[in-house]
Amino acid sequence: MSEETLLSAARRVVRFFSIDEAHGGLTSVETLQAVETLDKQVRIEAARQASAAAGITTEPPEQKG
């Protein structure tokens, strides 16, 4: 197994939590909101990393003098 990163750990949390919830898991509203927020941030970071790997930046280029 490859080294765990913060992003891969977050992905696993979201995945397993979603599976548990789909099968009648018992969670609080606050936990659901936290995992939804985590999922959103994971997707944003994954898209940012994919863009960076493809050489696409989301930041405007620096303006010259």
C-alpha atoms as a PDB file:
ATOM      1  CA  MET A   1       0.000   0.000   0.000  1.00  0.00           C
ATOM      2  CA  SER A   2       1.310   3.435  -0.866  1.00  0.00           C
ATOM      3  CA  GLU A   3       2.002   6.105   1.714  1.00  0.00           C
ATOM      4  CA  GLU A   4      -1.142   7.693   3.157  1.00  0.00           C
ATOM      5  CA  THR A   5      -1.515  11.417   2.536  1.00  0.00           C
ATOM      6  CA  LEU A   6      -3.927  13.864   4.068  1.00  0.00           C
ATOM      7  CA  LEU A   7      -5.892  13.877   0.829  1.00  0.00           C
ATOM      8  CA  SER A   8      -6.065  10.080   0.540  1.00  0.00           C
ATOM      9  CA  ALA A   9      -7.059   9.757   4.201  1.00  0.00           C
ATOM     10  CA  ALA A  10      -9.812  12.322   3.728  1.00  0.00           C
ATOM     11  CA  ARG A  11     -11.055  10.482   0.645  1.00  0.00           C
ATOM     12  CA  ARG A  12     -11.238   7.234   2.619  1.00  0.00           C
ATOM     13  CA  VAL A  13     -13.139   8.913   5.468  1.00  0.00           C
ATOM     14  CA  VAL A  14     -15.701  10.330   3.056  1.00  0.00           C
ATOM     15  CA  ARG A  15     -16.026   7.034   1.169  1.00  0.00           C
ATOM     16  CA  PHE A  16     -16.455   4.793   4.198  1.00  0.00           C
ATOM     17  CA  PHE A  17     -18.730   7.261   5.952  1.00  0.00           C
ATOM     18  CA  SER A  18     -20.957   7.430   2.868  1.00  0.00           C
ATOM     19  CA  ILE A  19     -21.115   3.624   2.666  1.00  0.00           C
ATOM     20  CA  ASP A  20     -22.017   3.397   6.355  1.00  0.00           C
ATOM     21  CA  GLU A  21     -24.666   6.107   6.036  1.00  0.00           C
ATOM     22  CA  ALA A  22     -26.217   4.359   3.014  1.00  0.00           C
ATOM     23  CA  HIS A  23     -26.643   1.236   5.139  1.00  0.00           C
ATOM     24  CA  GLY A  24     -28.389   2.942   8.045  1.00  0.00           C
ATOM     25  CA  GLY A  25     -25.433   4.258  10.029  1.00  0.00           C
ATOM     26  CA  LEU A  26     -26.211   6.367  13.079  1.00  0.00           C
ATOM     27  CA  THR A  27     -24.681   9.824  12.861  1.00  0.00           C
ATOM     28  CA  SER A  28     -25.435  13.294  14.093  1.00  0.00           C
ATOM     29  CA  VAL A  29     -26.329  16.254  11.889  1.00  0.00           C
ATOM     30  CA  GLU A  30     -23.020  17.908  12.834  1.00  0.00           C
ATOM     31  CA  THR A  31     -21.065  14.858  11.683  1.00  0.00           C
ATOM     32  CA  LEU A  32     -22.950  14.781   8.392  1.00  0.00           C
ATOM     33  CA  GLN A  33     -22.208  18.467   7.826  1.00  0.00           C
ATOM     34  CA  ALA A  34     -18.541  17.980   8.677  1.00  0.00           C
ATOM     35  CA  VAL A  35     -18.167  15.094   6.232  1.00  0.00           C
ATOM     36  CA  GLU A  36     -19.989  17.020   3.497  1.00  0.00           C
ATOM     37  CA  THR A  37     -17.583  19.929   4.027  1.00  0.00           C
ATOM     38  CA  LEU A  38     -14.612  17.547   3.999  1.00  0.00           C
ATOM     39  CA  ASP A  39     -15.879  15.950   0.785  1.00  0.00           C
ATOM     40  CA  LYS A  40     -16.193  19.371  -0.868  1.00  0.00           C
ATOM     41  CA  GLN A  41     -12.660  20.332   0.166  1.00  0.00           C
ATOM     42  CA  VAL A  42     -11.274  16.977  -1.021  1.00  0.00           C
ATOM     43  CA  ARG A  43     -12.873  17.477  -4.435  1.00  0.00           C
ATOM     44  CA  ILE A  44     -11.491  21.030  -4.689  1.00  0.00           C
ATOM     45  CA  GLU A  45      -7.978  19.898  -3.744  1.00  0.00           C
ATOM     46  CA  ALA A  46      -8.097  16.887  -6.073  1.00  0.00           C
ATOM     47  CA  ALA A  47      -9.136  19.150  -8.958  1.00  0.00           C
ATOM     48  CA  ARG A  48      -6.357  21.609  -8.063  1.00  0.00           C
ATOM     49  CA  GLN A  49      -3.773  18.814  -8.030  1.00  0.00           C
ATOM     50  CA  ALA A  50      -5.035  17.425 -11.345  1.00  0.00           C
ATOM     51  CA  SER A  51      -4.853  20.890 -12.898  1.00  0.00           C
ATOM     52  CA  ALA A  52      -1.347  21.424 -11.549  1.00  0.00           C
ATOM     53  CA  ALA A  53      -0.237  18.060 -12.935  1.00  0.00           C
ATOM     54  CA  ALA A  54      -1.638  19.050 -16.326  1.00  0.00           C
ATOM     55  CA  GLY A  55       0.124  22.420 -16.178  1.00  0.00           C
ATOM     56  CA  ILE A  56      -3.086  24.373 -15.726  1.00  0.00           C
ATOM     57  CA  THR A  57      -3.119  27.054 -13.056  1.00  0.00           C
ATOM     58  CA  THR A  58      -6.165  28.648 -11.490  1.00  0.00           C
ATOM     59  CA  GLU A  59      -4.259  31.743 -10.430  1.00  0.00           C
ATOM     60  CA  PRO A  60      -3.806  34.689 -12.786  1.00  0.00           C
ATOM     61  CA  PRO A  61      -0.314  35.043 -14.251  1.00  0.00           C
ATOM     62  CA  GLU A  62       1.952  37.630 -12.690  1.00  0.00           C
ATOM     63  CA  GLN A  63       1.857  40.960 -14.468  1.00  0.00           C
ATOM     64  CA  LYS A  64       5.144  42.399 -15.669  1.00  0.00           C
ATOM     65  CA  GLY A  65       6.248  45.820 -14.627  1.00  0.00           C
END
